């Protein structure tokens, strides 16, 4: 029973870590895409 509890706790930490890593990666990519879109928009504003 103790081994099962330990396995469940480890699995819980792996799942939480995975979700946290995915969220952080998504936030990083969104931020990177936002900076890229800002760079793309600046020249078009200057040409007007």
N, C-alpha and C. Protein backbone atom coordinates (compact mmCIF):
# COMPACT_ATOMS: atom_id res chain seq x y z
N UNK A 1 0.82 -1.19 0.00
CA UNK A 1 0.00 0.00 0.00
C UNK A 1 0.87 1.26 0.00
N UNK A 2 1.95 1.23 0.74
CA UNK A 2 2.84 2.39 0.78
C UNK A 2 3.48 2.62 -0.58
N UNK A 3 3.87 1.52 -1.24
CA UNK A 3 4.46 1.66 -2.58
C UNK A 3 3.46 2.27 -3.55
N UNK A 4 2.19 1.87 -3.43
CA UNK A 4 1.17 2.41 -4.32
C UNK A 4 0.99 3.90 -4.08
N UNK A 5 0.99 4.31 -2.81
CA UNK A 5 0.85 5.74 -2.50
C UNK A 5 2.03 6.54 -3.05
N UNK A 6 3.22 5.99 -2.91
CA UNK A 6 4.41 6.66 -3.42
C UNK A 6 4.32 6.79 -4.94
N UNK A 7 3.89 5.72 -5.61
CA UNK A 7 3.76 5.76 -7.06
C UNK A 7 2.72 6.80 -7.48
N UNK A 8 1.62 6.87 -6.75
CA UNK A 8 0.58 7.84 -7.08
C UNK A 8 1.07 9.27 -6.87
N UNK A 9 1.84 9.50 -5.81
CA UNK A 9 2.38 10.84 -5.58
C UNK A 9 3.37 11.22 -6.67
N UNK A 10 4.22 10.28 -7.07
CA UNK A 10 5.18 10.55 -8.14
C UNK A 10 4.44 10.85 -9.44
N UNK A 11 3.41 10.06 -9.73
CA UNK A 11 2.61 10.28 -10.94
C UNK A 11 1.95 11.65 -10.90
N UNK A 12 1.45 12.04 -9.73
CA UNK A 12 0.82 13.35 -9.58
C UNK A 12 1.82 14.47 -9.84
N UNK A 13 3.03 14.34 -9.31
CA UNK A 13 4.04 15.37 -9.55
C UNK A 13 4.44 15.43 -11.02
N UNK A 14 4.53 14.27 -11.67
CA UNK A 14 4.87 14.25 -13.09
C UNK A 14 3.78 14.94 -13.91
N UNK A 15 2.52 14.65 -13.59
CA UNK A 15 1.42 15.28 -14.33
C UNK A 15 1.38 16.79 -14.10
N UNK A 16 1.52 17.22 -12.87
CA UNK A 16 1.51 18.65 -12.57
C UNK A 16 2.70 19.34 -13.23
N UNK A 17 3.86 18.69 -13.19
CA UNK A 17 5.04 19.25 -13.84
C UNK A 17 4.87 19.35 -15.34
N UNK A 18 4.26 18.35 -15.93
CA UNK A 18 4.03 18.35 -17.38
C UNK A 18 3.08 19.46 -17.79
N UNK A 19 2.01 19.62 -17.01
CA UNK A 19 1.04 20.68 -17.31
C UNK A 19 1.69 22.05 -17.13
N UNK A 20 2.46 22.19 -16.08
CA UNK A 20 3.15 23.48 -15.84
C UNK A 20 4.14 23.79 -16.96
N UNK A 21 4.88 22.78 -17.40
CA UNK A 21 5.84 22.98 -18.47
C UNK A 21 5.12 23.34 -19.77
N UNK A 22 4.01 22.68 -20.06
CA UNK A 22 3.26 22.98 -21.27
C UNK A 22 2.71 24.40 -21.24
N UNK A 23 2.22 24.82 -20.08
CA UNK A 23 1.69 26.18 -19.93
C UNK A 23 2.79 27.22 -20.12
N UNK A 24 3.94 26.96 -19.50
CA UNK A 24 5.06 27.90 -19.62
C UNK A 24 5.54 27.98 -21.06
N UNK A 25 5.60 26.83 -21.75
CA UNK A 25 6.03 26.80 -23.15
C UNK A 25 5.05 27.56 -24.04
N UNK A 26 3.75 27.37 -23.78
CA UNK A 26 2.73 28.07 -24.56
C UNK A 26 2.83 29.58 -24.34
N UNK A 27 3.02 29.97 -23.09
CA UNK A 27 3.14 31.40 -22.78
C UNK A 27 4.37 31.99 -23.46
N UNK A 28 5.47 31.26 -23.45
CA UNK A 28 6.70 31.71 -24.12
C UNK A 28 6.48 31.86 -25.62
N UNK A 29 5.82 30.88 -26.22
CA UNK A 29 5.57 30.94 -27.67
C UNK A 29 4.63 32.08 -28.02
N UNK A 30 3.60 32.30 -27.20
CA UNK A 30 2.69 33.40 -27.46
C UNK A 30 3.42 34.74 -27.37
N UNK A 31 4.28 34.87 -26.39
CA UNK A 31 5.04 36.11 -26.22
C UNK A 31 5.98 36.31 -27.41
N UNK A 32 6.61 35.24 -27.86
CA UNK A 32 7.53 35.33 -28.99
C UNK A 32 6.77 35.71 -30.26
N UNK A 33 5.59 35.12 -30.46
CA UNK A 33 4.78 35.44 -31.64
C UNK A 33 4.28 36.88 -31.59
N UNK A 34 3.98 37.37 -30.38
CA UNK A 34 3.51 38.75 -30.24
C UNK A 34 4.62 39.73 -30.62
N UNK A 35 5.83 39.45 -30.21
CA UNK A 35 6.97 40.32 -30.56
C UNK A 35 7.19 40.27 -32.06
N UNK A 36 7.07 39.09 -32.65
CA UNK A 36 7.25 38.94 -34.09
C UNK A 36 6.18 39.72 -34.85
N UNK A 37 4.93 39.64 -34.38
CA UNK A 37 3.86 40.37 -35.07
C UNK A 37 4.04 41.87 -34.92
N UNK A 38 4.59 42.32 -33.80
CA UNK A 38 4.86 43.75 -33.64
C UNK A 38 5.91 44.21 -34.64
N UNK A 39 6.94 43.39 -34.84
CA UNK A 39 7.98 43.75 -35.81
C UNK A 39 7.40 43.81 -37.21
N UNK A 40 6.47 42.90 -37.52
CA UNK A 40 5.85 42.89 -38.85
C UNK A 40 4.95 44.11 -39.05
N UNK A 41 4.32 44.58 -37.99
CA UNK A 41 3.39 45.69 -38.12
C UNK A 41 4.10 47.04 -38.25
N UNK A 42 5.25 47.19 -37.64
CA UNK A 42 5.94 48.48 -37.64
C UNK A 42 6.27 48.98 -39.06
N UNK A 43 6.84 48.16 -39.93
CA UNK A 43 7.13 48.67 -41.28
C UNK A 43 5.87 49.06 -42.04
N UNK A 44 4.77 48.32 -41.87
CA UNK A 44 3.55 48.67 -42.59
C UNK A 44 2.98 50.00 -42.13
N UNK A 45 3.19 50.35 -40.84
CA UNK A 45 2.72 51.65 -40.37
C UNK A 45 3.58 52.77 -40.93
N UNK A 46 4.85 52.52 -41.15
CA UNK A 46 5.73 53.55 -41.68
C UNK A 46 5.46 53.83 -43.16
N UNK A 47 4.99 52.85 -43.89
CA UNK A 47 4.76 53.03 -45.33
C UNK A 47 3.49 53.83 -45.62
N UNK A 48 2.63 53.97 -44.65
CA UNK A 48 1.37 54.70 -44.89
C UNK A 48 1.59 56.14 -45.02
